[in-house]
Amino acid sequence: MNTHLLALQLMAVQGCLGAFDTLYHHELTEALPQRETAGGELAIHATRATIYALLFIGLACWEWHGVFALVLLAIFAVEIVLTLWDFVVEDRTRLLPATERVAHTVLAINGGAFIMLLVLQFPAWFAQPSSLAWNPQGWLSVFVAVCGIGVGISGLRDALAAQRLRRAANQDEGVAPVSFDETKRTVLVTGATGFIGQKLVRALLRDGHEVIALSRQPKQAAWQFEGRVRCIESVEMLSPASRVDVVVNLAGARILGPRWSEARKTALRRSRVALTRQLVAW
């Protein structure tokens, strides 16, 4: 059994799954680079992506013999520790959607499988003189190497995003806290989990105001603000007796994404007008 070839096949699957998870979850639905609380997670992702880039490119066409086999085992050990750490950090900072939880589980299983196949190959490789032996596997090697380049670019993107979030946090520490009103108010905020909404809600909480967040994903919003905000899914969940002093309407379809075509501009406007009408009617 050619365990190296089988491992490369599973690595190709890992590359496809990882690309889906990164683009769909991290960039589109969760928008991690825009989350104030995602700096630590992005830093871990950047480190893991660098390791995966090394593994994918290094194993695509080469066998790691002798002392290089020991280096490979050490890289596997570091990757396993980082994966477990990533799970802990994710659960501490955000509520993962079901699809992302499933994707991470499948990635962990598949990753463990290709690592085990290469561990089984370790005795044979370790017995050889130390070298990186050229042994390409045709187009499979090309695809795995391309995956390595892609994950490397993704890691650079995460590293830059983590650095930007860290810089923004340091700048915020040097700025005087925002004071909205000496009288404590009840503020209804729509779009509270967006880039601007997050900053507004945290500033309101620091100032001692009570915040109600209207969100399409109330559980995730409650998790994001450590349970300090009342989160509702629709204005119907507010009783007529509920007192709201100020309404800040930031919600609507996500601005980040594809280019601003006329159709997309229309959809963005409609999403904001519709919610505004609901709030006025309430």
C-alpha atoms as a PDB file:
ATOM      1  CA  MET A   1       0.000   0.000   0.000  1.00  0.00           C
ATOM      2  CA  ASN A   2       1.398   3.383  -1.036  1.00  0.00           C
ATOM      3  CA  THR A   3       0.557   5.382   2.082  1.00  0.00           C
ATOM      4  CA  HIS A   4       2.210   8.516   0.673  1.00  0.00           C
ATOM      5  CA  LEU A   5      -0.140   8.464  -2.326  1.00  0.00           C
ATOM      6  CA  LEU A   6      -3.189   7.846  -0.122  1.00  0.00           C
ATOM      7  CA  ALA A   7      -2.119  10.687   2.164  1.00  0.00           C
ATOM      8  CA  LEU A   8      -1.828  13.045  -0.820  1.00  0.00           C
ATOM      9  CA  GLN A   9      -5.334  12.085  -1.945  1.00  0.00           C
ATOM     10  CA  LEU A  10      -6.717  12.928   1.496  1.00  0.00           C
ATOM     11  CA  MET A  11      -4.687  16.147   1.520  1.00  0.00           C
ATOM     12  CA  ALA A  12      -6.348  17.132  -1.760  1.00  0.00           C
ATOM     13  CA  VAL A  13      -9.729  16.589  -0.089  1.00  0.00           C
ATOM     14  CA  GLN A  14      -8.490  18.622   2.895  1.00  0.00           C
ATOM     15  CA  GLY A  15      -7.542  21.465   0.589  1.00  0.00           C
ATOM     16  CA  CYS A  16     -11.028  21.576  -0.956  1.00  0.00           C
ATOM     17  CA  LEU A  17     -12.785  21.397   2.413  1.00  0.00           C
ATOM     18  CA  GLY A  18     -10.483  24.031   3.889  1.00  0.00           C
ATOM     19  CA  ALA A  19     -11.076  26.393   0.973  1.00  0.00           C
ATOM     20  CA  PHE A  20     -14.845  26.048   1.430  1.00  0.00           C
ATOM     21  CA  ASP A  21     -14.613  26.650   5.181  1.00  0.00           C
ATOM     22  CA  THR A  22     -12.391  29.698   4.760  1.00  0.00           C
ATOM     23  CA  LEU A  23     -14.351  31.377   1.972  1.00  0.00           C
ATOM     24  CA  TYR A  24     -17.899  30.534   3.066  1.00  0.00           C
ATOM     25  CA  HIS A  25     -17.599  30.715   6.839  1.00  0.00           C
ATOM     26  CA  HIS A  26     -14.570  32.807   7.787  1.00  0.00           C
ATOM     27  CA  GLU A  27     -14.956  35.399   5.021  1.00  0.00           C
ATOM     28  CA  LEU A  28     -18.634  35.501   4.001  1.00  0.00           C
ATOM     29  CA  THR A  29     -21.001  34.397   6.757  1.00  0.00           C
ATOM     30  CA  GLU A  30     -18.863  35.045   9.856  1.00  0.00           C
ATOM     31  CA  ALA A  31     -16.636  37.838   8.444  1.00  0.00           C
ATOM     32  CA  LEU A  32     -13.863  37.121  10.946  1.00  0.00           C
ATOM     33  CA  PRO A  33     -11.494  39.855   9.686  1.00  0.00           C
ATOM     34  CA  GLN A  34     -14.138  42.428  10.695  1.00  0.00           C
ATOM     35  CA  ARG A  35     -14.816  41.009  14.183  1.00  0.00           C
ATOM     36  CA  GLU A  36     -13.172  42.867  17.039  1.00  0.00           C
ATOM     37  CA  THR A  37     -12.992  39.661  19.092  1.00  0.00           C
ATOM     38  CA  ALA A  38     -11.467  37.475  16.352  1.00  0.00           C
ATOM     39  CA  GLY A  39      -7.849  38.647  16.591  1.00  0.00           C
ATOM     40  CA  GLY A  40      -6.652  35.622  18.553  1.00  0.00           C
ATOM     41  CA  GLU A  41      -8.488  33.174  16.313  1.00  0.00           C
ATOM     42  CA  LEU A  42      -7.093  34.807  13.175  1.00  0.00           C
ATOM     43  CA  ALA A  43      -3.550  34.649  14.577  1.00  0.00           C
ATOM     44  CA  ILE A  44      -3.958  30.907  15.170  1.00  0.00           C
ATOM     45  CA  HIS A  45      -5.406  30.468  11.686  1.00  0.00           C
ATOM     46  CA  ALA A  46      -2.423  32.313  10.202  1.00  0.00           C
ATOM     47  CA  THR A  47       0.028  30.022  12.007  1.00  0.00           C
ATOM     48  CA  ARG A  48      -1.872  26.879  11.040  1.00  0.00           C
ATOM     49  CA  ALA A  49      -2.136  28.035   7.427  1.00  0.00           C
ATOM     50  CA  THR A  50       1.631  28.539   7.287  1.00  0.00           C
ATOM     51  CA  ILE A  51       2.153  25.004   8.573  1.00  0.00           C
ATOM     52  CA  TYR A  52      -0.338  23.588   6.076  1.00  0.00           C
ATOM     53  CA  ALA A  53       1.344  25.478   3.239  1.00  0.00           C
ATOM     54  CA  LEU A  54       4.670  23.902   4.221  1.00  0.00           C
ATOM     55  CA  LEU A  55       3.129  20.431   4.466  1.00  0.00           C
ATOM     56  CA  PHE A  56       1.169  20.630   1.218  1.00  0.00           C
ATOM     57  CA  ILE A  57       4.047  21.984  -0.858  1.00  0.00           C
ATOM     58  CA  GLY A  58       6.684  19.882   0.902  1.00  0.00           C
ATOM     59  CA  LEU A  59       4.791  16.586   0.621  1.00  0.00           C
ATOM     60  CA  ALA A  60       3.341  17.160  -2.858  1.00  0.00           C
ATOM     61  CA  CYS A  61       6.483  16.011  -4.675  1.00  0.00           C
ATOM     62  CA  TRP A  62       8.962  14.953  -1.995  1.00  0.00           C
ATOM     63  CA  GLU A  63       9.465  12.157   0.516  1.00  0.00           C
ATOM     64  CA  TRP A  64      10.949  13.254   3.842  1.00  0.00           C
ATOM     65  CA  HIS A  65      13.778  10.815   4.645  1.00  0.00           C
ATOM     66  CA  GLY A  66      15.992  10.450   7.696  1.00  0.00           C
ATOM     67  CA  VAL A  67      16.076  13.475   9.989  1.00  0.00           C
ATOM     68  CA  PHE A  68      13.430  15.165   7.824  1.00  0.00           C
ATOM     69  CA  ALA A  69      10.989  12.444   8.892  1.00  0.00           C
ATOM     70  CA  LEU A  70      11.542  13.539  12.508  1.00  0.00           C
ATOM     71  CA  VAL A  71      10.925  17.150  11.479  1.00  0.00           C
ATOM     72  CA  LEU A  72       7.665  16.021   9.869  1.00  0.00           C
ATOM     73  CA  LEU A  73       6.536  14.354  13.109  1.00  0.00           C
ATOM     74  CA  ALA A  74       7.341  17.527  15.043  1.00  0.00           C
ATOM     75  CA  ILE A  75       5.276  19.600  12.587  1.00  0.00           C
ATOM     76  CA  PHE A  76       2.360  17.185  13.025  1.00  0.00           C
ATOM     77  CA  ALA A  77       2.580  17.547  16.819  1.00  0.00           C
ATOM     78  CA  VAL A  78       2.529  21.356  16.592  1.00  0.00           C
ATOM     79  CA  GLU A  79      -0.435  21.268  14.192  1.00  0.00           C
ATOM     80  CA  ILE A  80      -2.450  19.007  16.512  1.00  0.00           C
ATOM     81  CA  VAL A  81      -1.829  21.320  19.482  1.00  0.00           C
ATOM     82  CA  LEU A  82      -2.802  24.382  17.415  1.00  0.00           C
ATOM     83  CA  THR A  83      -5.981  22.656  16.204  1.00  0.00           C
ATOM     84  CA  LEU A  84      -7.090  21.913  19.765  1.00  0.00           C
ATOM     85  CA  TRP A  85      -6.205  25.456  20.838  1.00  0.00           C
ATOM     86  CA  ASP A  86      -8.189  26.816  17.884  1.00  0.00           C
ATOM     87  CA  PHE A  87     -11.270  24.867  19.020  1.00  0.00           C
ATOM     88  CA  VAL A  88     -10.997  26.341  22.526  1.00  0.00           C
ATOM     89  CA  VAL A  89     -10.551  29.925  21.302  1.00  0.00           C
ATOM     90  CA  GLU A  90     -13.471  29.632  18.870  1.00  0.00           C
ATOM     91  CA  ASP A  91     -15.828  28.406  21.586  1.00  0.00           C
ATOM     92  CA  ARG A  92     -14.756  31.231  23.895  1.00  0.00           C
ATOM     93  CA  THR A  93     -15.264  34.050  21.405  1.00  0.00           C
ATOM     94  CA  ARG A  94     -18.223  33.137  19.185  1.00  0.00           C
ATOM     95  CA  LEU A  95     -21.087  30.718  18.607  1.00  0.00           C
ATOM     96  CA  LEU A  96     -20.234  28.648  15.550  1.00  0.00           C
ATOM     97  CA  PRO A  97     -23.042  27.999  13.022  1.00  0.00           C
ATOM     98  CA  ALA A  98     -23.987  24.357  12.504  1.00  0.00           C
ATOM     99  CA  THR A  99     -22.419  24.148   9.041  1.00  0.00           C
ATOM    100  CA  GLU A 100     -19.079  25.451  10.318  1.00  0.00           C
ATOM    101  CA  ARG A 101     -19.126  23.017  13.243  1.00  0.00           C
ATOM    102  CA  VAL A 102     -19.728  20.126  10.829  1.00  0.00           C
ATOM    103  CA  ALA A 103     -17.025  21.383   8.450  1.00  0.00           C
ATOM    104  CA  HIS A 104     -14.486  21.605  11.278  1.00  0.00           C
ATOM    105  CA  THR A 105     -15.352  18.083  12.446  1.00  0.00           C
ATOM    106  CA  VAL A 106     -14.908  16.626   8.954  1.00  0.00           C
ATOM    107  CA  LEU A 107     -11.652  18.561   8.519  1.00  0.00           C
ATOM    108  CA  ALA A 108     -10.343  17.208  11.830  1.00  0.00           C
ATOM    109  CA  ILE A 109     -11.244  13.614  10.904  1.00  0.00           C
ATOM    110  CA  ASN A 110      -9.747  13.868   7.425  1.00  0.00           C
ATOM    111  CA  GLY A 111      -6.658  15.656   8.738  1.00  0.00           C
ATOM    112  CA  GLY A 112      -6.144  12.968  11.361  1.00  0.00           C
ATOM    113  CA  ALA A 113      -6.448  10.302   8.666  1.00  0.00           C
ATOM    114  CA  PHE A 114      -3.744  11.713   6.383  1.00  0.00           C
ATOM    115  CA  ILE A 115      -1.459  12.402   9.342  1.00  0.00           C
ATOM    116  CA  MET A 116      -1.843   8.792  10.499  1.00  0.00           C
ATOM    117  CA  LEU A 117      -1.037   7.509   7.006  1.00  0.00           C
ATOM    118  CA  LEU A 118       2.181   9.518   7.006  1.00  0.00           C
ATOM    119  CA  VAL A 119       3.000   8.336  10.538  1.00  0.00           C
ATOM    120  CA  LEU A 120       2.686   4.761   9.234  1.00  0.00           C
ATOM    121  CA  GLN A 121       5.164   5.729   6.509  1.00  0.00           C
ATOM    122  CA  PHE A 122       7.575   7.146   9.101  1.00  0.00           C
ATOM    123  CA  PRO A 123       9.654   3.970   9.842  1.00  0.00           C
ATOM    124  CA  ALA A 124      10.467   3.438   6.154  1.00  0.00           C
ATOM    125  CA  TRP A 125      11.349   7.094   5.586  1.00  0.00           C
ATOM    126  CA  PHE A 126      13.342   7.403   8.821  1.00  0.00           C
ATOM    127  CA  ALA A 127      15.507   4.420   7.821  1.00  0.00           C
ATOM    128  CA  GLN A 128      16.656   6.222   4.656  1.00  0.00           C
ATOM    129  CA  PRO A 129      19.604   8.664   4.460  1.00  0.00           C
ATOM    130  CA  SER A 130      18.528  12.205   5.311  1.00  0.00           C
ATOM    131  CA  SER A 131      17.179  13.916   2.197  1.00  0.00           C
ATOM    132  CA  LEU A 132      14.082  15.271   0.518  1.00  0.00           C
ATOM    133  CA  ALA A 133      13.579  12.627  -2.177  1.00  0.00           C
ATOM    134  CA  TRP A 134      11.810  13.721  -5.359  1.00  0.00           C
ATOM    135  CA  ASN A 135       8.728  11.535  -5.908  1.00  0.00           C
ATOM    136  CA  PRO A 136       5.933  13.424  -7.729  1.00  0.00           C
ATOM    137  CA  GLN A 137       2.501  11.860  -8.222  1.00  0.00           C
ATOM    138  CA  GLY A 138       1.447  13.559 -11.449  1.00  0.00           C
ATOM    139  CA  TRP A 139      -1.446  15.985 -11.445  1.00  0.00           C
ATOM    140  CA  LEU A 140      -2.295  15.063  -7.855  1.00  0.00           C
ATOM    141  CA  SER A 141       1.006  16.579  -6.743  1.00  0.00           C
ATOM    142  CA  VAL A 142       0.316  19.703  -8.804  1.00  0.00           C
ATOM    143  CA  PHE A 143      -3.126  20.114  -7.215  1.00  0.00           C
ATOM    144  CA  VAL A 144      -1.809  19.596  -3.674  1.00  0.00           C
ATOM    145  CA  ALA A 145       0.969  22.133  -4.308  1.00  0.00           C
ATOM    146  CA  VAL A 146      -1.595  24.653  -5.596  1.00  0.00           C
ATOM    147  CA  CYS A 147      -3.619  24.044  -2.415  1.00  0.00           C
ATOM    148  CA  GLY A 148      -0.456  24.790  -0.456  1.00  0.00           C
ATOM    149  CA  ILE A 149      -0.005  28.109  -2.243  1.00  0.00           C
ATOM    150  CA  GLY A 150      -3.662  28.962  -1.649  1.00  0.00           C
ATOM    151  CA  VAL A 151      -3.561  28.197   2.058  1.00  0.00           C
ATOM    152  CA  GLY A 152      -0.349  30.200   2.340  1.00  0.00           C
ATOM    153  CA  ILE A 153      -2.075  33.243   0.832  1.00  0.00           C
ATOM    154  CA  SER A 154      -5.001  32.693   3.210  1.00  0.00           C
ATOM    155  CA  GLY A 155      -2.582  32.585   6.139  1.00  0.00           C
ATOM    156  CA  LEU A 156      -1.028  35.884   5.073  1.00  0.00           C
ATOM    157  CA  ARG A 157      -4.506  37.408   4.831  1.00  0.00           C
ATOM    158  CA  ASP A 158      -5.353  36.210   8.366  1.00  0.00           C
ATOM    159  CA  ALA A 159      -2.043  37.469   9.762  1.00  0.00           C
ATOM    160  CA  LEU A 160      -2.619  40.944   8.309  1.00  0.00           C
ATOM    161  CA  ALA A 161      -6.207  40.983   9.602  1.00  0.00           C
ATOM    162  CA  ALA A 162      -5.085  39.933  13.099  1.00  0.00           C
ATOM    163  CA  GLN A 163      -2.425  42.656  13.078  1.00  0.00           C
ATOM    164  CA  ARG A 164      -4.979  45.264  11.966  1.00  0.00           C
ATOM    165  CA  LEU A 165      -7.415  44.247  14.733  1.00  0.00           C
ATOM    166  CA  ARG A 166      -4.612  44.386  17.305  1.00  0.00           C
ATOM    167  CA  ARG A 167      -3.617  47.877  16.113  1.00  0.00           C
ATOM    168  CA  ALA A 168      -7.235  49.040  16.259  1.00  0.00           C
ATOM    169  CA  ALA A 169      -7.591  47.688  19.803  1.00  0.00           C
ATOM    170  CA  ASN A 170      -4.428  49.517  20.889  1.00  0.00           C
ATOM    171  CA  GLN A 171      -5.704  52.747  19.346  1.00  0.00           C
ATOM    172  CA  ASP A 172      -9.059  52.366  21.120  1.00  0.00           C
ATOM    173  CA  GLU A 173      -7.261  52.006  24.458  1.00  0.00           C
ATOM    174  CA  GLY A 174      -5.708  55.430  24.004  1.00  0.00           C
ATOM    175  CA  VAL A 175      -9.021  57.120  23.170  1.00  0.00           C
ATOM    176  CA  ALA A 176     -11.237  58.593  25.876  1.00  0.00           C
ATOM    177  CA  PRO A 177     -14.436  56.557  26.416  1.00  0.00           C
ATOM    178  CA  VAL A 178     -17.473  57.812  24.511  1.00  0.00           C
ATOM    179  CA  SER A 179     -20.131  59.400  26.700  1.00  0.00           C
ATOM    180  CA  PHE A 180     -23.615  59.430  25.184  1.00  0.00           C
ATOM    181  CA  ASP A 181     -25.826  60.751  27.960  1.00  0.00           C
ATOM    182  CA  GLU A 182     -25.634  61.152  31.715  1.00  0.00           C
ATOM    183  CA  THR A 183     -29.154  59.729  31.949  1.00  0.00           C
ATOM    184  CA  LYS A 184     -29.070  56.013  31.346  1.00  0.00           C
ATOM    185  CA  ARG A 185     -31.153  55.058  28.333  1.00  0.00           C
ATOM    186  CA  THR A 186     -32.592  51.944  26.746  1.00  0.00           C
ATOM    187  CA  VAL A 187     -31.233  51.770  23.206  1.00  0.00           C
ATOM    188  CA  LEU A 188     -32.517  49.487  20.453  1.00  0.00           C
ATOM    189  CA  VAL A 189     -29.736  48.750  17.956  1.00  0.00           C
ATOM    190  CA  THR A 190     -30.280  46.918  14.692  1.00  0.00           C
ATOM    191  CA  GLY A 191     -27.218  45.548  12.922  1.00  0.00           C
ATOM    192  CA  ALA A 192     -25.473  45.274  16.285  1.00  0.00           C
ATOM    193  CA  THR A 193     -23.101  42.533  15.116  1.00  0.00           C
ATOM    194  CA  GLY A 194     -21.847  44.523  12.133  1.00  0.00           C
ATOM    195  CA  PHE A 195     -18.527  46.347  12.043  1.00  0.00           C
ATOM    196  CA  ILE A 196     -20.005  49.660  13.229  1.00  0.00           C
ATOM    197  CA  GLY A 197     -22.702  48.053  15.369  1.00  0.00           C
ATOM    198  CA  GLN A 198     -20.166  46.149  17.479  1.00  0.00           C
ATOM    199  CA  LYS A 199     -18.295  49.333  18.356  1.00  0.00           C
ATOM    200  CA  LEU A 200     -21.524  51.196  19.129  1.00  0.00           C
ATOM    201  CA  VAL A 201     -22.927  48.470  21.391  1.00  0.00           C
ATOM    202  CA  ARG A 202     -19.691  48.097  23.353  1.00  0.00           C
ATOM    203  CA  ALA A 203     -19.476  51.876  23.780  1.00  0.00           C
ATOM    204  CA  LEU A 204     -23.091  52.013  25.013  1.00  0.00           C
ATOM    205  CA  LEU A 205     -22.424  49.213  27.488  1.00  0.00           C
ATOM    206  CA  ARG A 206     -19.289  50.951  28.768  1.00  0.00           C
ATOM    207  CA  ASP A 207     -21.399  54.062  29.296  1.00  0.00           C
ATOM    208  CA  GLY A 208     -23.908  52.094  31.371  1.00  0.00           C
ATOM    209  CA  HIS A 209     -26.852  52.050  28.977  1.00  0.00           C
ATOM    210  CA  GLU A 210     -29.215  49.119  28.473  1.00  0.00           C
ATOM    211  CA  VAL A 211     -28.993  47.719  24.951  1.00  0.00           C
ATOM    212  CA  ILE A 212     -31.515  45.678  22.990  1.00  0.00           C
ATOM    213  CA  ALA A 213     -30.054  44.139  19.832  1.00  0.00           C
ATOM    214  CA  LEU A 214     -32.307  43.224  16.921  1.00  0.00           C
ATOM    215  CA  SER A 215     -30.453  40.486  15.047  1.00  0.00           C
ATOM    216  CA  ARG A 216     -31.151  37.731  12.536  1.00  0.00           C
ATOM    217  CA  GLN A 217     -28.988  35.490  14.754  1.00  0.00           C
ATOM    218  CA  PRO A 218     -29.868  36.425  18.345  1.00  0.00           C
ATOM    219  CA  LYS A 219     -27.978  33.516  19.921  1.00  0.00           C
ATOM    220  CA  GLN A 220     -24.757  34.494  18.196  1.00  0.00           C
ATOM    221  CA  ALA A 221     -25.295  38.139  19.114  1.00  0.00           C
ATOM    222  CA  ALA A 222     -25.846  37.240  22.781  1.00  0.00           C
ATOM    223  CA  TRP A 223     -22.660  35.155  22.717  1.00  0.00           C
ATOM    224  CA  GLN A 224     -20.707  37.948  21.050  1.00  0.00           C
ATOM    225  CA  PHE A 225     -21.635  40.463  23.744  1.00  0.00           C
ATOM    226  CA  GLU A 226     -21.099  38.044  26.669  1.00  0.00           C
ATOM    227  CA  GLY A 227     -24.796  37.958  27.566  1.00  0.00           C
ATOM    228  CA  ARG A 228     -24.843  41.675  28.477  1.00  0.00           C
ATOM    229  CA  VAL A 229     -27.314  42.565  25.721  1.00  0.00           C
ATOM    230  CA  ARG A 230     -30.944  41.533  25.299  1.00  0.00           C
ATOM    231  CA  CYS A 231     -31.079  39.995  21.827  1.00  0.00           C
ATOM    232  CA  ILE A 232     -34.296  39.604  19.832  1.00  0.00           C
ATOM    233  CA  GLU A 233     -35.028  38.246  16.373  1.00  0.00           C
ATOM    234  CA  SER A 234     -37.923  40.557  15.463  1.00  0.00           C
ATOM    235  CA  VAL A 235     -39.630  43.670  16.796  1.00  0.00           C
ATOM    236  CA  GLU A 236     -42.703  41.533  17.534  1.00  0.00           C
ATOM    237  CA  MET A 237     -40.740  40.106  20.468  1.00  0.00           C
ATOM    238  CA  LEU A 238     -40.942  43.522  22.146  1.00  0.00           C
ATOM    239  CA  SER A 239     -44.134  44.045  24.097  1.00  0.00           C
ATOM    240  CA  PRO A 240     -46.093  47.294  23.582  1.00  0.00           C
ATOM    241  CA  ALA A 241     -45.118  48.226  27.128  1.00  0.00           C
ATOM    242  CA  SER A 242     -41.409  47.973  26.378  1.00  0.00           C
ATOM    243  CA  ARG A 243     -39.702  51.316  26.772  1.00  0.00           C
ATOM    244  CA  VAL A 244     -37.103  52.255  24.177  1.00  0.00           C
ATOM    245  CA  ASP A 245     -35.560  55.715  24.365  1.00  0.00           C
ATOM    246  CA  VAL A 246     -33.371  55.606  21.266  1.00  0.00           C
ATOM    247  CA  VAL A 247     -33.396  53.496  18.084  1.00  0.00           C
ATOM    248  CA  VAL A 248     -30.200  53.164  16.048  1.00  0.00           C
ATOM    249  CA  ASN A 249     -30.949  51.435  12.750  1.00  0.00           C
ATOM    250  CA  LEU A 250     -27.815  49.946  11.169  1.00  0.00           C
ATOM    251  CA  ALA A 251     -29.239  46.664   9.867  1.00  0.00           C
ATOM    252  CA  GLY A 252     -29.626  45.490   6.304  1.00  0.00           C
ATOM    253  CA  ALA A 253     -28.034  43.143   3.815  1.00  0.00           C
ATOM    254  CA  ARG A 254     -24.290  42.717   4.264  1.00  0.00           C
ATOM    255  CA  ILE A 255     -22.314  45.501   2.591  1.00  0.00           C
ATOM    256  CA  LEU A 256     -19.119  43.467   2.292  1.00  0.00           C
ATOM    257  CA  GLY A 257     -19.140  41.025  -0.589  1.00  0.00           C
ATOM    258  CA  PRO A 258     -19.434  41.134  -4.391  1.00  0.00           C
ATOM    259  CA  ARG A 259     -19.028  44.312  -6.412  1.00  0.00           C
ATOM    260  CA  TRP A 260     -21.711  46.966  -6.105  1.00  0.00           C
ATOM    261  CA  SER A 261     -23.746  46.267  -9.225  1.00  0.00           C
ATOM    262  CA  GLU A 262     -27.076  48.048  -9.728  1.00  0.00           C
ATOM    263  CA  ALA A 263     -28.931  44.894  -8.688  1.00  0.00           C
ATOM    264  CA  ARG A 264     -26.897  44.638  -5.497  1.00  0.00           C
ATOM    265  CA  LYS A 265     -27.377  48.325  -4.689  1.00  0.00           C
ATOM    266  CA  THR A 266     -31.124  47.840  -5.088  1.00  0.00           C
ATOM    267  CA  ALA A 267     -31.067  44.819  -2.771  1.00  0.00           C
ATOM    268  CA  LEU A 268     -29.054  46.759  -0.174  1.00  0.00           C
ATOM    269  CA  ARG A 269     -31.498  49.678  -0.263  1.00  0.00           C
ATOM    270  CA  ARG A 270     -34.558  47.445  -0.067  1.00  0.00           C
ATOM    271  CA  SER A 271     -33.213  45.515   2.907  1.00  0.00           C
ATOM    272  CA  ARG A 272     -32.705  48.745   4.834  1.00  0.00           C
ATOM    273  CA  VAL A 273     -36.002  50.359   3.833  1.00  0.00           C
ATOM    274  CA  ALA A 274     -38.001  47.243   4.760  1.00  0.00           C
ATOM    275  CA  LEU A 275     -36.576  47.068   8.278  1.00  0.00           C
ATOM    276  CA  THR A 276     -36.964  50.811   8.768  1.00  0.00           C
ATOM    277  CA  ARG A 277     -40.659  50.514   7.912  1.00  0.00           C
ATOM    278  CA  GLN A 278     -41.047  47.690  10.435  1.00  0.00           C
ATOM    279  CA  LEU A 279     -39.456  49.825  13.132  1.00  0.00           C
ATOM    280  CA  VAL A 280     -41.641  52.831  12.302  1.00  0.00           C
ATOM    281  CA  ALA A 281     -44.762  50.651  12.354  1.00  0.00           C
ATOM    282  CA  TRP A 282     -43.753  49.269  15.758  1.00  0.00           C
END
